[in-house]
Each structure stands twice: as structure tokens, then as C-alpha cells.
């Protein structure tokens, strides 16, 4: 399959890599149809992490399920799914408390909790800027989407559920935004804009976005 591969600081390329495949009964195999490039990828692109050359990048993914393991019950072949950034088992002590970003099972590195697709030090899972993606613990990690997710114009919206929209939403959760509030968001990048949008959804009376870059 073709995939976006990290070659070194400030160097990525599209290469042929081995096909993703079912490895465990709880896996699903997804044909990727839409991905985003996340600002977090810049940490690897700029060389601020110890990402290994040859790593397949991409953690904001969606696509069509084309195969499932024998242990998958809820996700079906043909489902359109969004794949959240974090990979979680859904059943460990942390997952049961809602702390799925710190799953105790998914990362085999000693002393590490939590994992993600195609990200430095976050487990052995290849990224989704590729033609195929293996999704572990598929029943927990696949968000099954409505039928209109097959429409490419809608996929531009749905793929945001993988990371960038929840990140902006979570900012308003941490800030305890309530109806009638006045909200200031510093930074008009993708997270900032979706934090502002989330504040509007939550009923904020006034939302101001501040950025020193004039193009924003």
C-alpha cells in the first residue's frame, strides 16, 4: 500500500509499505478515505521527537471497514468509521474511569500508558495517512458514522471528529463555558477556531478570537 512515511527532520515521502492487515481477533481493517494533517505532527516533522525513519504518519483518520476479526461484534464490514487519535482497550482500570488517553494495555513499552496511530513514543501502531489502517480493539476504537459519511463532502466534517474538533471542545470543557458567557480564545489556528465554534454551540453570548497573525 502507499503511505506517508517519515524519513527524517523536515522530510516525508509517499512510499510503498507492507499492507496493513488483521493481526488479532479484535482488529478491524479500514480502507482510508479521508485524513487530516495535525499540528501535532509538526513535532515529528521538525525533529523534536525521536520518531524512527520509516514510521507511517497520521492520526486523524476515517474510512470504510473492509475486514473484521472474529472477535469484533459491533463493527461490520461496510461501516463508515472515524478513528479517534487515541488507541484504547476500553476495559482496563483507566479506560473504565474515562481516562482512555492513558489506557494501561495498549502500549507495550515499560512504564508507558496510552497509545496513538503513527505518533512518536505512543505505541507500535502505524498511522492512517495510508491506503489501509489496522484498528485494534475495533469495537471500542471505531466511531460508526451515519450513511451520509460516504459523501466525500461530508467526510471533511466527519473526519474532524477524530481529533481536532474534540480538542477544541475539550478546551471549552476545561474552561467551564456555560450559556451566556463571554469567551476569549487566544490563537486562531484550527484548535482555536473549533474551540470558538464549540463555545458558540454551548451558548456563549460573545466569542472573541485573538491572534497576532494578520492572515488569521
N, C-alpha and C. Protein backbone atom coordinates (compact mmCIF):
# COMPACT_ATOMS: atom_id res chain seq x y z
N UNK A 1 0.85 -1.19 0.00
CA UNK A 1 0.00 0.00 0.00
C UNK A 1 0.89 1.24 0.00
N UNK A 2 0.34 2.36 -0.43
CA UNK A 2 1.04 3.64 -0.37
C UNK A 2 0.76 4.29 0.99
N UNK A 3 1.78 4.98 1.53
CA UNK A 3 1.64 5.62 2.83
C UNK A 3 2.60 6.80 2.92
N UNK A 4 2.26 7.75 3.79
CA UNK A 4 3.14 8.88 4.08
C UNK A 4 4.12 8.44 5.15
N UNK A 5 5.40 8.49 4.83
CA UNK A 5 6.45 7.92 5.68
C UNK A 5 7.40 9.03 6.14
N UNK A 6 7.75 8.98 7.43
CA UNK A 6 8.74 9.91 7.99
C UNK A 6 10.14 9.43 7.60
N UNK A 7 10.90 10.30 6.92
CA UNK A 7 12.26 9.96 6.52
C UNK A 7 13.32 10.60 7.41
N UNK A 8 12.95 11.67 8.09
CA UNK A 8 13.87 12.41 8.93
C UNK A 8 13.33 13.82 9.11
N UNK A 9 14.01 14.65 9.93
CA UNK A 9 13.51 16.01 10.14
C UNK A 9 13.25 16.76 8.85
N UNK A 10 12.02 17.27 8.74
CA UNK A 10 11.56 18.06 7.59
C UNK A 10 11.58 17.28 6.28
N UNK A 11 11.48 15.97 6.38
CA UNK A 11 11.45 15.15 5.18
C UNK A 11 10.45 14.03 5.34
N UNK A 12 9.39 14.04 4.52
CA UNK A 12 8.45 12.94 4.46
C UNK A 12 8.25 12.58 2.99
N UNK A 13 7.78 11.37 2.73
CA UNK A 13 7.57 10.96 1.35
C UNK A 13 6.47 9.93 1.29
N UNK A 14 5.89 9.75 0.13
CA UNK A 14 4.90 8.71 -0.11
C UNK A 14 5.65 7.49 -0.65
N UNK A 15 5.52 6.36 0.06
CA UNK A 15 6.26 5.16 -0.30
C UNK A 15 5.34 3.95 -0.29
N UNK A 16 5.80 2.89 -0.91
CA UNK A 16 5.14 1.60 -0.82
C UNK A 16 5.61 0.91 0.47
N UNK A 17 4.66 0.49 1.31
CA UNK A 17 4.96 -0.21 2.56
C UNK A 17 4.10 -1.47 2.61
N UNK A 18 4.42 -2.43 3.50
CA UNK A 18 3.57 -3.62 3.59
C UNK A 18 2.13 -3.25 3.95
N UNK A 19 1.19 -3.97 3.36
CA UNK A 19 -0.22 -3.71 3.64
C UNK A 19 -0.52 -3.90 5.11
N UNK A 20 -1.34 -2.99 5.67
CA UNK A 20 -1.93 -3.25 6.98
C UNK A 20 -2.82 -4.48 6.88
N UNK A 21 -2.92 -5.21 7.99
CA UNK A 21 -3.71 -6.45 7.97
C UNK A 21 -4.27 -6.75 9.35
N UNK A 22 -5.24 -7.65 9.42
CA UNK A 22 -5.76 -8.13 10.68
C UNK A 22 -4.66 -8.93 11.39
N UNK A 23 -4.37 -8.57 12.65
CA UNK A 23 -3.35 -9.28 13.42
C UNK A 23 -3.93 -9.99 14.64
N UNK A 24 -5.07 -9.49 15.15
CA UNK A 24 -5.70 -10.09 16.32
C UNK A 24 -7.20 -10.18 16.08
N UNK A 25 -7.89 -11.06 16.78
CA UNK A 25 -9.33 -11.21 16.55
C UNK A 25 -10.14 -9.95 16.79
N UNK A 26 -9.63 -9.03 17.60
CA UNK A 26 -10.38 -7.81 17.91
C UNK A 26 -10.05 -6.65 16.96
N UNK A 27 -9.29 -6.93 15.89
CA UNK A 27 -8.91 -5.89 14.93
C UNK A 27 -9.97 -5.69 13.86
N UNK A 28 -9.96 -4.49 13.28
CA UNK A 28 -10.66 -4.22 12.03
C UNK A 28 -9.65 -3.65 11.04
N UNK A 29 -9.90 -3.86 9.76
CA UNK A 29 -9.08 -3.28 8.71
C UNK A 29 -9.92 -2.24 7.98
N UNK A 30 -9.40 -1.03 7.90
CA UNK A 30 -10.15 0.09 7.34
C UNK A 30 -9.45 0.61 6.09
N UNK A 31 -10.23 0.76 5.02
CA UNK A 31 -9.73 1.44 3.83
C UNK A 31 -9.90 2.94 4.04
N UNK A 32 -8.79 3.64 4.14
CA UNK A 32 -8.83 5.06 4.48
C UNK A 32 -9.35 5.88 3.29
N UNK A 33 -10.30 6.76 3.58
CA UNK A 33 -10.84 7.64 2.54
C UNK A 33 -10.50 9.10 2.78
N UNK A 34 -10.31 9.50 4.04
CA UNK A 34 -10.03 10.90 4.37
C UNK A 34 -9.12 10.96 5.59
N UNK A 35 -8.12 11.83 5.55
CA UNK A 35 -7.28 12.09 6.72
C UNK A 35 -7.01 13.58 6.83
N UNK A 36 -6.63 13.99 8.03
CA UNK A 36 -6.13 15.35 8.25
C UNK A 36 -4.66 15.31 8.60
N UNK A 37 -3.96 16.41 8.37
CA UNK A 37 -2.63 16.61 8.93
C UNK A 37 -2.80 17.43 10.20
N UNK A 38 -2.32 16.90 11.33
CA UNK A 38 -2.49 17.56 12.62
C UNK A 38 -1.30 18.46 12.93
N UNK A 39 -1.56 19.56 13.62
CA UNK A 39 -0.46 20.41 14.08
C UNK A 39 0.53 19.65 14.94
N UNK A 40 0.05 18.63 15.66
CA UNK A 40 0.94 17.82 16.48
C UNK A 40 1.98 17.08 15.64
N UNK A 41 1.66 16.82 14.38
CA UNK A 41 2.63 16.15 13.51
C UNK A 41 3.89 16.98 13.31
N UNK A 42 3.78 18.29 13.54
CA UNK A 42 4.96 19.16 13.37
C UNK A 42 6.06 18.81 14.36
N UNK A 43 5.70 18.28 15.53
CA UNK A 43 6.75 17.89 16.49
C UNK A 43 7.66 16.84 15.88
N UNK A 44 7.08 15.92 15.15
CA UNK A 44 7.88 14.90 14.47
C UNK A 44 8.54 15.46 13.22
N UNK A 45 7.78 16.19 12.42
CA UNK A 45 8.32 16.75 11.19
C UNK A 45 9.53 17.64 11.45
N UNK A 46 9.47 18.43 12.52
CA UNK A 46 10.57 19.35 12.84
C UNK A 46 11.70 18.68 13.60
N UNK A 47 11.56 17.40 13.94
CA UNK A 47 12.65 16.68 14.59
C UNK A 47 12.72 16.87 16.09
N UNK A 48 11.61 17.28 16.70
CA UNK A 48 11.62 17.48 18.15
C UNK A 48 11.32 16.19 18.92
N UNK A 49 11.09 15.09 18.21
CA UNK A 49 10.82 13.81 18.84
C UNK A 49 11.82 12.78 18.32
N UNK A 50 11.75 11.59 18.90
CA UNK A 50 12.66 10.53 18.45
C UNK A 50 11.95 9.55 17.50
N UNK A 51 11.07 10.08 16.68
CA UNK A 51 10.39 9.24 15.70
C UNK A 51 11.39 8.52 14.80
N UNK A 52 11.15 7.24 14.57
CA UNK A 52 12.05 6.45 13.76
C UNK A 52 11.77 6.65 12.26
N UNK A 53 12.80 6.85 11.45
CA UNK A 53 12.59 6.88 10.00
C UNK A 53 11.87 5.61 9.54
N UNK A 54 10.94 5.80 8.62
CA UNK A 54 10.14 4.68 8.15
C UNK A 54 8.77 4.59 8.80
N UNK A 55 8.53 5.41 9.83
CA UNK A 55 7.23 5.40 10.51
C UNK A 55 6.15 5.97 9.59
N UNK A 56 4.98 5.33 9.56
CA UNK A 56 3.84 5.83 8.81
C UNK A 56 3.08 6.82 9.69
N UNK A 57 2.87 8.02 9.19
CA UNK A 57 2.27 9.09 9.96
C UNK A 57 0.74 9.09 9.83
N UNK A 58 0.10 9.89 10.68
CA UNK A 58 -1.33 10.15 10.52
C UNK A 58 -2.21 9.60 11.62
N UNK A 59 -2.85 10.51 12.38
CA UNK A 59 -3.73 10.06 13.46
C UNK A 59 -5.11 10.72 13.42
N UNK A 60 -5.47 11.33 12.30
CA UNK A 60 -6.83 11.88 12.15
C UNK A 60 -7.43 11.22 10.90
N UNK A 61 -8.13 10.10 11.12
CA UNK A 61 -8.45 9.20 10.02
C UNK A 61 -9.92 8.79 10.01
N UNK A 62 -10.41 8.49 8.82
CA UNK A 62 -11.71 7.85 8.67
C UNK A 62 -11.72 7.03 7.39
N UNK A 63 -12.65 6.09 7.33
CA UNK A 63 -12.73 5.28 6.13
C UNK A 63 -13.78 4.19 6.25
N UNK A 64 -13.68 3.18 5.37
CA UNK A 64 -14.65 2.10 5.29
C UNK A 64 -14.04 0.81 5.83
N UNK A 65 -14.77 0.12 6.69
CA UNK A 65 -14.33 -1.16 7.21
C UNK A 65 -14.42 -2.20 6.09
N UNK A 66 -13.30 -2.87 5.80
CA UNK A 66 -13.31 -3.87 4.74
C UNK A 66 -13.06 -5.28 5.27
N UNK A 67 -12.68 -5.41 6.54
CA UNK A 67 -12.48 -6.73 7.14
C UNK A 67 -12.50 -6.58 8.65
N UNK A 68 -13.03 -7.58 9.35
CA UNK A 68 -13.03 -7.58 10.82
C UNK A 68 -12.55 -8.94 11.32
N UNK A 69 -11.94 -8.93 12.51
CA UNK A 69 -11.53 -10.17 13.14
C UNK A 69 -12.71 -10.90 13.75
N UNK A 70 -12.48 -12.14 14.12
CA UNK A 70 -13.56 -12.98 14.66
C UNK A 70 -14.08 -12.46 15.99
N UNK A 71 -13.29 -11.65 16.69
CA UNK A 71 -13.73 -11.15 17.99
C UNK A 71 -14.42 -9.80 17.95
N UNK A 72 -14.70 -9.28 16.76
CA UNK A 72 -15.37 -7.98 16.61
C UNK A 72 -16.87 -8.21 16.49
N UNK A 73 -17.66 -7.56 17.34
CA UNK A 73 -19.10 -7.77 17.39
C UNK A 73 -19.91 -6.58 16.88
N UNK A 74 -19.46 -5.36 17.15
CA UNK A 74 -20.28 -4.18 16.91
C UNK A 74 -20.01 -3.52 15.57
N UNK A 75 -18.81 -3.65 15.07
CA UNK A 75 -18.41 -3.01 13.82
C UNK A 75 -18.52 -4.03 12.69
N UNK A 76 -19.10 -3.61 11.57
CA UNK A 76 -19.38 -4.52 10.46
C UNK A 76 -18.65 -4.08 9.20
N UNK A 77 -18.35 -5.05 8.36
CA UNK A 77 -17.80 -4.73 7.04
C UNK A 77 -18.78 -3.81 6.31
N UNK A 78 -18.26 -2.76 5.73
CA UNK A 78 -19.09 -1.77 5.03
C UNK A 78 -19.39 -0.54 5.86
N UNK A 79 -19.19 -0.59 7.18
CA UNK A 79 -19.41 0.58 8.02
C UNK A 79 -18.42 1.68 7.65
N UNK A 80 -18.89 2.91 7.63
CA UNK A 80 -18.01 4.07 7.56
C UNK A 80 -17.69 4.48 9.00
N UNK A 81 -16.40 4.63 9.30
CA UNK A 81 -15.99 4.85 10.68
C UNK A 81 -14.98 5.99 10.76
N UNK A 82 -15.01 6.68 11.89
CA UNK A 82 -13.99 7.67 12.25
C UNK A 82 -13.12 7.03 13.33
N UNK A 83 -11.81 7.27 13.25
CA UNK A 83 -10.89 6.64 14.19
C UNK A 83 -10.25 7.72 15.06
N UNK A 84 -10.67 7.85 16.32
CA UNK A 84 -10.07 8.84 17.21
C UNK A 84 -8.57 8.63 17.37
N UNK A 85 -7.88 9.73 17.63
CA UNK A 85 -6.42 9.76 17.80
C UNK A 85 -5.93 8.67 18.75
N UNK A 86 -6.50 8.62 19.95
CA UNK A 86 -6.02 7.67 20.95
C UNK A 86 -6.49 6.25 20.66
N UNK A 87 -5.60 5.29 20.86
CA UNK A 87 -5.95 3.88 20.80
C UNK A 87 -6.12 3.39 22.23
N UNK A 88 -7.24 2.74 22.51
CA UNK A 88 -7.56 2.31 23.87
C UNK A 88 -8.19 0.93 23.84
N UNK A 89 -8.06 0.22 24.97
CA UNK A 89 -8.66 -1.12 25.03
C UNK A 89 -10.13 -1.08 25.43
N UNK A 90 -10.51 -0.03 26.18
CA UNK A 90 -11.89 0.13 26.61
C UNK A 90 -12.28 -0.65 27.84
N UNK A 91 -11.34 -1.39 28.44
CA UNK A 91 -11.72 -2.26 29.55
C UNK A 91 -10.78 -2.21 30.74
N UNK A 92 -9.64 -1.56 30.64
CA UNK A 92 -8.71 -1.50 31.77
C UNK A 92 -9.22 -0.52 32.83
N UNK A 93 -8.51 -0.41 33.95
CA UNK A 93 -8.95 0.46 35.04
C UNK A 93 -9.05 1.91 34.59
N UNK A 94 -8.07 2.40 33.83
CA UNK A 94 -8.13 3.78 33.38
C UNK A 94 -9.25 4.00 32.37
N UNK A 95 -9.41 3.08 31.42
CA UNK A 95 -10.49 3.21 30.44
C UNK A 95 -11.86 3.22 31.13
N UNK A 96 -12.01 2.39 32.15
CA UNK A 96 -13.29 2.34 32.87
C UNK A 96 -13.59 3.63 33.61
N UNK A 97 -12.56 4.42 33.90
CA UNK A 97 -12.76 5.73 34.54
C UNK A 97 -12.87 6.85 33.51
N UNK A 98 -12.86 6.51 32.24
CA UNK A 98 -12.93 7.52 31.20
C UNK A 98 -11.59 8.10 30.82
N UNK A 99 -10.50 7.57 31.36
CA UNK A 99 -9.16 8.09 31.08
C UNK A 99 -8.54 7.30 29.92
N UNK A 100 -9.22 7.31 28.80
CA UNK A 100 -8.83 6.44 27.69
C UNK A 100 -7.51 6.86 27.05
N UNK A 101 -7.09 8.12 27.23
CA UNK A 101 -5.79 8.55 26.71
C UNK A 101 -4.65 7.90 27.48
N UNK A 102 -4.95 7.32 28.62
CA UNK A 102 -3.94 6.67 29.46
C UNK A 102 -4.27 5.20 29.66
N UNK A 103 -4.73 4.56 28.58
CA UNK A 103 -5.02 3.13 28.63
C UNK A 103 -3.79 2.37 29.11
N UNK A 104 -4.00 1.43 29.99
CA UNK A 104 -2.90 0.68 30.60
C UNK A 104 -2.46 -0.52 29.78
N UNK A 105 -3.16 -0.83 28.72
CA UNK A 105 -2.95 -2.08 27.98
C UNK A 105 -2.26 -1.87 26.64
N UNK A 106 -2.51 -0.77 25.97
CA UNK A 106 -2.19 -0.66 24.55
C UNK A 106 -0.72 -0.40 24.24
N UNK A 107 0.03 0.15 25.19
CA UNK A 107 1.42 0.49 24.92
C UNK A 107 2.34 -0.50 25.60
N UNK A 108 3.07 -1.32 24.84
CA UNK A 108 3.91 -2.35 25.44
C UNK A 108 5.20 -1.83 26.06
N UNK A 109 5.54 -0.56 25.84
CA UNK A 109 6.78 -0.02 26.40
C UNK A 109 6.69 0.04 27.92
N UNK A 110 7.73 -0.35 28.64
CA UNK A 110 7.70 -0.34 30.11
C UNK A 110 7.39 1.05 30.67
N UNK A 111 6.45 1.09 31.59
CA UNK A 111 6.11 2.34 32.26
C UNK A 111 5.30 3.32 31.45
N UNK A 112 4.85 2.93 30.27
CA UNK A 112 4.09 3.84 29.41
C UNK A 112 2.61 3.50 29.44
N UNK A 113 1.77 4.53 29.39
CA UNK A 113 0.32 4.36 29.28
C UNK A 113 -0.18 5.20 28.12
N UNK A 114 -1.13 4.65 27.38
CA UNK A 114 -1.70 5.38 26.25
C UNK A 114 -0.97 5.10 24.96
N UNK A 115 -1.71 5.19 23.87
CA UNK A 115 -1.13 4.96 22.55
C UNK A 115 -1.93 5.73 21.51
N UNK A 116 -1.35 5.82 20.31
CA UNK A 116 -2.00 6.54 19.21
C UNK A 116 -1.46 5.99 17.90
N UNK A 117 -2.14 6.35 16.82
CA UNK A 117 -1.70 5.94 15.49
C UNK A 117 -0.57 6.84 15.00
N UNK A 118 0.52 6.25 14.55
CA UNK A 118 1.56 6.99 13.85
C UNK A 118 2.17 8.12 14.62
N UNK A 119 2.44 7.92 15.92
CA UNK A 119 2.95 9.03 16.73
C UNK A 119 4.10 8.56 17.61
N UNK A 120 5.09 9.41 17.76
CA UNK A 120 6.31 9.06 18.48
C UNK A 120 6.01 8.63 19.92
N UNK A 121 6.60 7.52 20.34
CA UNK A 121 6.54 7.02 21.72
C UNK A 121 5.13 6.67 22.16
N UNK A 122 4.21 6.50 21.23
CA UNK A 122 2.83 6.19 21.61
C UNK A 122 2.38 4.87 21.02
N UNK A 123 3.25 3.86 21.20
CA UNK A 123 2.87 2.52 20.81
C UNK A 123 3.31 2.13 19.42
N UNK A 124 3.06 0.87 19.06
CA UNK A 124 3.55 0.32 17.79
C UNK A 124 2.58 0.44 16.62
N UNK A 125 1.62 1.36 16.70
CA UNK A 125 0.53 1.39 15.73
C UNK A 125 0.86 2.34 14.57
N UNK A 126 0.83 1.81 13.35
CA UNK A 126 1.09 2.61 12.17
C UNK A 126 0.00 3.66 11.99
N UNK A 127 0.37 4.75 11.32
CA UNK A 127 -0.58 5.83 11.10
C UNK A 127 -1.51 5.58 9.92
N UNK A 128 -2.45 6.50 9.77
CA UNK A 128 -3.51 6.33 8.79
C UNK A 128 -3.40 7.18 7.54
N UNK A 129 -2.28 7.91 7.36
CA UNK A 129 -2.09 8.59 6.08
C UNK A 129 -1.56 7.53 5.10
N UNK A 130 -2.44 6.59 4.84
CA UNK A 130 -2.11 5.39 4.08
C UNK A 130 -3.39 4.85 3.46
N UNK A 131 -3.25 3.87 2.60
CA UNK A 131 -4.43 3.31 1.96
C UNK A 131 -5.22 2.40 2.89
N UNK A 132 -4.55 1.77 3.85
CA UNK A 132 -5.19 0.87 4.79
C UNK A 132 -4.70 1.14 6.20
N UNK A 133 -5.56 0.86 7.19
CA UNK A 133 -5.21 1.06 8.60
C UNK A 133 -5.73 -0.10 9.42
N UNK A 134 -4.87 -0.70 10.19
CA UNK A 134 -5.29 -1.68 11.18
C UNK A 134 -5.77 -0.94 12.42
N UNK A 135 -7.01 -1.27 12.87
CA UNK A 135 -7.59 -0.65 14.06
C UNK A 135 -7.71 -1.72 15.15
N UNK A 136 -6.90 -1.64 16.21
CA UNK A 136 -7.02 -2.61 17.29
C UNK A 136 -8.22 -2.30 18.18
N UNK A 137 -8.71 -3.33 18.89
CA UNK A 137 -9.89 -3.17 19.76
C UNK A 137 -10.96 -2.36 19.00
N UNK A 138 -11.32 -2.89 17.84
CA UNK A 138 -12.15 -2.13 16.90
C UNK A 138 -13.50 -1.75 17.48
N UNK A 139 -14.11 -2.62 18.28
CA UNK A 139 -15.43 -2.29 18.83
C UNK A 139 -15.38 -1.04 19.69
N UNK A 140 -14.23 -0.76 20.30
CA UNK A 140 -14.11 0.43 21.14
C UNK A 140 -13.56 1.63 20.37
N UNK A 141 -12.68 1.38 19.40
CA UNK A 141 -11.97 2.48 18.76
C UNK A 141 -12.57 2.96 17.45
N UNK A 142 -13.60 2.30 16.95
CA UNK A 142 -14.27 2.76 15.73
C UNK A 142 -15.54 3.51 16.09
N UNK A 143 -15.65 4.75 15.64
CA UNK A 143 -16.90 5.51 15.76
C UNK A 143 -17.67 5.31 14.46
N UNK A 144 -18.76 4.52 14.52
CA UNK A 144 -19.55 4.23 13.33
C UNK A 144 -20.37 5.47 12.96
N UNK A 145 -20.29 5.86 11.70
CA UNK A 145 -20.90 7.10 11.23
C UNK A 145 -22.21 6.83 10.48
N UNK A 146 -23.04 7.87 10.33
CA UNK A 146 -24.29 7.72 9.57
C UNK A 146 -24.02 7.43 8.10
N UNK A 147 -25.05 6.98 7.37
CA UNK A 147 -24.86 6.63 5.95
C UNK A 147 -24.32 7.77 5.08
N UNK A 148 -24.62 9.02 5.44
CA UNK A 148 -24.15 10.12 4.59
C UNK A 148 -22.64 10.32 4.66
N UNK A 149 -21.95 9.54 5.51
CA UNK A 149 -20.49 9.64 5.59
C UNK A 149 -19.82 9.15 4.31
N UNK A 150 -20.57 8.49 3.43
CA UNK A 150 -19.99 8.08 2.15
C UNK A 150 -19.84 9.27 1.20
N UNK A 151 -20.56 10.34 1.48
CA UNK A 151 -20.47 11.56 0.68
C UNK A 151 -19.14 12.26 1.00
N UNK A 152 -18.28 12.41 0.01
CA UNK A 152 -16.96 12.99 0.27
C UNK A 152 -17.05 14.39 0.86
N UNK A 153 -18.07 15.14 0.49
CA UNK A 153 -18.20 16.49 1.04
C UNK A 153 -18.51 16.46 2.53
N UNK A 154 -19.20 15.42 2.99
CA UNK A 154 -19.48 15.28 4.42
C UNK A 154 -18.26 14.73 5.18
N UNK A 155 -17.42 13.99 4.49
CA UNK A 155 -16.25 13.43 5.16
C UNK A 155 -15.33 14.52 5.69
N UNK A 156 -15.31 15.68 5.02
CA UNK A 156 -14.50 16.79 5.52
C UNK A 156 -14.97 17.24 6.90
N UNK A 157 -16.24 17.03 7.20
CA UNK A 157 -16.76 17.33 8.53
C UNK A 157 -16.50 16.17 9.50
N UNK A 158 -16.86 14.97 9.08
CA UNK A 158 -16.78 13.83 9.99
C UNK A 158 -15.36 13.52 10.44
N UNK A 159 -14.38 13.70 9.55
CA UNK A 159 -13.00 13.36 9.92
C UNK A 159 -12.50 14.25 11.04
N UNK A 160 -13.11 15.41 11.22
CA UNK A 160 -12.69 16.30 12.32
C UNK A 160 -13.02 15.70 13.69
N UNK A 161 -13.91 14.74 13.72
CA UNK A 161 -14.24 14.09 14.99
C UNK A 161 -13.11 13.22 15.52
N UNK A 162 -12.11 12.96 14.68
CA UNK A 162 -11.01 12.09 15.10
C UNK A 162 -10.11 12.77 16.13
N UNK A 163 -9.99 14.09 16.08
CA UNK A 163 -9.04 14.77 16.98
C UNK A 163 -9.33 16.25 17.12
N UNK A 164 -9.33 16.98 15.99
CA UNK A 164 -9.25 18.43 16.09
C UNK A 164 -10.50 19.06 16.71
N UNK A 165 -11.68 18.56 16.35
CA UNK A 165 -12.91 19.11 16.95
C UNK A 165 -13.01 18.75 18.44
N UNK A 166 -12.79 17.48 18.84
CA UNK A 166 -12.82 17.17 20.26
C UNK A 166 -11.78 17.96 21.07
N UNK A 167 -10.64 18.28 20.46
CA UNK A 167 -9.63 19.06 21.17
C UNK A 167 -10.15 20.45 21.46
N UNK A 168 -10.75 21.10 20.45
CA UNK A 168 -11.35 22.41 20.68
C UNK A 168 -12.49 22.35 21.68
N UNK A 169 -13.33 21.31 21.57
CA UNK A 169 -14.44 21.15 22.50
C UNK A 169 -13.93 20.97 23.93
N UNK A 170 -12.88 20.17 24.09
CA UNK A 170 -12.36 19.89 25.43
C UNK A 170 -11.81 21.16 26.07
N UNK A 171 -11.28 22.08 25.26
CA UNK A 171 -10.82 23.35 25.80
C UNK A 171 -11.98 24.10 26.48
N UNK A 172 -13.16 24.05 25.86
CA UNK A 172 -14.31 24.72 26.47
C UNK A 172 -14.80 23.97 27.70
N UNK A 173 -14.58 22.64 27.74
CA UNK A 173 -14.92 21.88 28.94
C UNK A 173 -14.01 22.29 30.09
N UNK A 174 -12.70 22.39 29.82
CA UNK A 174 -11.75 22.78 30.86
C UNK A 174 -12.01 24.20 31.35
N UNK A 175 -12.50 25.06 30.44
CA UNK A 175 -12.79 26.45 30.81
C UNK A 175 -14.19 26.61 31.41
N UNK A 176 -14.93 25.51 31.49
CA UNK A 176 -16.28 25.53 32.08
C UNK A 176 -17.20 26.55 31.40
N UNK A 177 -17.16 26.58 30.07
CA UNK A 177 -18.00 27.52 29.33
C UNK A 177 -19.47 27.16 29.52
N UNK A 178 -20.29 28.17 29.82
CA UNK A 178 -21.71 27.99 30.05
C UNK A 178 -22.51 28.97 29.19
N UNK A 179 -23.80 28.71 28.96
CA UNK A 179 -24.62 29.65 28.20
C UNK A 179 -24.56 31.06 28.79
N UNK A 180 -24.41 32.04 27.91
CA UNK A 180 -24.36 33.43 28.35
C UNK A 180 -22.97 33.96 28.62
N UNK A 181 -21.96 33.08 28.66
CA UNK A 181 -20.60 33.52 28.94
C UNK A 181 -20.04 34.36 27.80
N UNK A 182 -19.05 35.20 28.16
CA UNK A 182 -18.18 35.82 27.17
C UNK A 182 -16.86 35.04 27.16
N UNK A 183 -16.41 34.69 25.97
CA UNK A 183 -15.26 33.80 25.85
C UNK A 183 -14.21 34.44 24.95
N UNK A 184 -12.94 34.40 25.40
CA UNK A 184 -11.81 34.83 24.58
C UNK A 184 -10.95 33.61 24.29
N UNK A 185 -10.68 33.40 23.02
CA UNK A 185 -9.83 32.29 22.59
C UNK A 185 -8.56 32.89 22.00
N UNK A 186 -7.42 32.52 22.55
CA UNK A 186 -6.14 33.04 22.08
C UNK A 186 -5.51 32.03 21.12
N UNK A 187 -5.41 32.45 19.86
CA UNK A 187 -4.88 31.58 18.82
C UNK A 187 -5.97 31.15 17.87
N UNK A 188 -5.87 31.56 16.59
CA UNK A 188 -6.90 31.29 15.61
C UNK A 188 -6.49 30.19 14.63
N UNK A 189 -5.71 29.26 15.12
CA UNK A 189 -5.43 28.07 14.33
C UNK A 189 -6.62 27.14 14.38
N UNK A 190 -6.48 25.93 13.84
CA UNK A 190 -7.62 25.00 13.80
C UNK A 190 -8.21 24.70 15.18
N UNK A 191 -7.37 24.48 16.18
CA UNK A 191 -7.90 24.20 17.52
C UNK A 191 -8.64 25.42 18.06
N UNK A 192 -8.04 26.59 17.89
CA UNK A 192 -8.67 27.81 18.39
C UNK A 192 -10.02 28.07 17.73
N UNK A 193 -10.10 27.89 16.42
CA UNK A 193 -11.35 28.13 15.72
C UNK A 193 -12.43 27.15 16.17
N UNK A 194 -12.04 25.89 16.39
CA UNK A 194 -13.04 24.92 16.82
C UNK A 194 -13.38 25.07 18.30
N UNK A 195 -12.48 25.63 19.08
CA UNK A 195 -12.83 25.99 20.45
C UNK A 195 -13.86 27.12 20.44
N UNK A 196 -13.66 28.10 19.55
CA UNK A 196 -14.62 29.19 19.43
C UNK A 196 -15.97 28.67 18.97
N UNK A 197 -15.97 27.79 17.99
CA UNK A 197 -17.21 27.21 17.49
C UNK A 197 -17.90 26.40 18.58
N UNK A 198 -17.11 25.67 19.36
CA UNK A 198 -17.68 24.90 20.47
C UNK A 198 -18.32 25.80 21.50
N UNK A 199 -17.68 26.94 21.77
CA UNK A 199 -18.26 27.89 22.72
C UNK A 199 -19.60 28.42 22.21
N UNK A 200 -19.70 28.66 20.90
CA UNK A 200 -20.97 29.11 20.31
C UNK A 200 -22.04 28.03 20.47
N UNK A 201 -21.66 26.78 20.18
CA UNK A 201 -22.60 25.67 20.34
C UNK A 201 -23.10 25.60 21.77
N UNK A 202 -22.21 25.88 22.74
CA UNK A 202 -22.58 25.82 24.15
C UNK A 202 -23.38 27.03 24.62
N UNK A 203 -23.62 27.99 23.72
CA UNK A 203 -24.48 29.11 24.07
C UNK A 203 -23.78 30.34 24.58
N UNK A 204 -22.47 30.46 24.34
CA UNK A 204 -21.77 31.67 24.77
C UNK A 204 -22.39 32.90 24.11
N UNK A 205 -22.47 33.98 24.85
CA UNK A 205 -23.08 35.21 24.36
C UNK A 205 -22.16 35.95 23.41
N UNK A 206 -20.87 35.96 23.72
CA UNK A 206 -19.89 36.64 22.88
C UNK A 206 -18.62 35.79 22.84
N UNK A 207 -18.09 35.60 21.64
CA UNK A 207 -16.85 34.84 21.48
C UNK A 207 -15.87 35.69 20.69
N UNK A 208 -14.71 35.93 21.28
CA UNK A 208 -13.66 36.74 20.66
C UNK A 208 -12.44 35.85 20.42
N UNK A 209 -11.87 35.92 19.22
CA UNK A 209 -10.68 35.15 18.90
C UNK A 209 -9.54 36.13 18.64
N UNK A 210 -8.42 35.91 19.31
CA UNK A 210 -7.29 36.82 19.26
C UNK A 210 -6.11 36.10 18.62
N UNK A 211 -5.49 36.76 17.63
CA UNK A 211 -4.31 36.19 17.01
C UNK A 211 -3.46 37.32 16.44
N UNK A 212 -2.15 37.21 16.56
CA UNK A 212 -1.27 38.28 16.06
C UNK A 212 -0.91 38.11 14.59
N UNK A 213 -1.34 37.01 13.97
CA UNK A 213 -1.09 36.80 12.56
C UNK A 213 -2.23 37.39 11.76
N UNK A 214 -1.91 38.39 10.93
CA UNK A 214 -2.97 39.13 10.24
C UNK A 214 -3.77 38.25 9.29
N UNK A 215 -3.18 37.21 8.69
CA UNK A 215 -3.92 36.37 7.76
C UNK A 215 -5.00 35.56 8.46
N UNK A 216 -4.93 35.47 9.77
CA UNK A 216 -5.95 34.75 10.53
C UNK A 216 -7.08 35.69 10.97
